[in-house]
Amino acid sequence: MKKLFALFIVCALISGASLNGQKVKFKSGSLGFLKGQTSLLVKYDYSNMAVGKYSSEDDYIAKKSEDYNKKEAGKGDRWKEAWYNDRQTRFEPKFEELLNSYTSKVGLTCSQTATDAEYEMIVHTVFTEPGFNVGVMRQNAYIDAEISFRKIADGAEVALMTFDNCPGRDVFGYDFDTALRIEEAYAKLGKSLAGQILKAIK
């Protein structure tokens, strides 16, 4: 029993370290320009994204699709379609949901459909670790993102931030679905960005 308890403590510490390993850095500017703004246009960029051990997302997709199709005809093709569709149907909505749950309290709405915004932010995912969960073993998903803010009128960049190691996992550990783990990483990114915005405009 003592050994089991000790193992539980070690696992909890490792899990906590993973969740707290996120790093946020300003590369340039600050978010003070958002003070008084009521709307922010959101755009997404997945170009030149690395995935897991693959430096190219295309290589990752080709390998996964091939492996799945070998196991079951058409499975890899369906997986590939879902990989892309999850961005618009799961990841982006979850990011905006968490972001707006905080920024809306100070009158700022962040949306891909904002038509009256003075500024836009571009969320560029530069790395995705899909992770895995096979019950007895798991690795959390996480994403690294670069977020730039620009004035829409002239395209001038006013701030650039990086968010490294945004972790994604279900709090109860039932995240056997890869998309769910990545979705939670975008939720964490939205919450972390909201914290930085609220700190800047208070």
Foldseek 3Di string as FASTA:
>chain_A
DVVVVVVVVVVVVVVVCLQPVKDKDWPDAALLVCAPFQEEAEAEAAPQAAEAPGSRPVVVLVVQLVVLCVVPNPRSVVVSVCVVVLVVVFQVVLLQVLLCVQVVVVNHHYYNPDDPGQKYKYKYWRYWYLWAPPPVDTDWIATKIKMWMAGPVPRHTRIIMIMPSQTFADPVRPPRDSSNRSSRSSNSVSNVVSVRNVVSRD
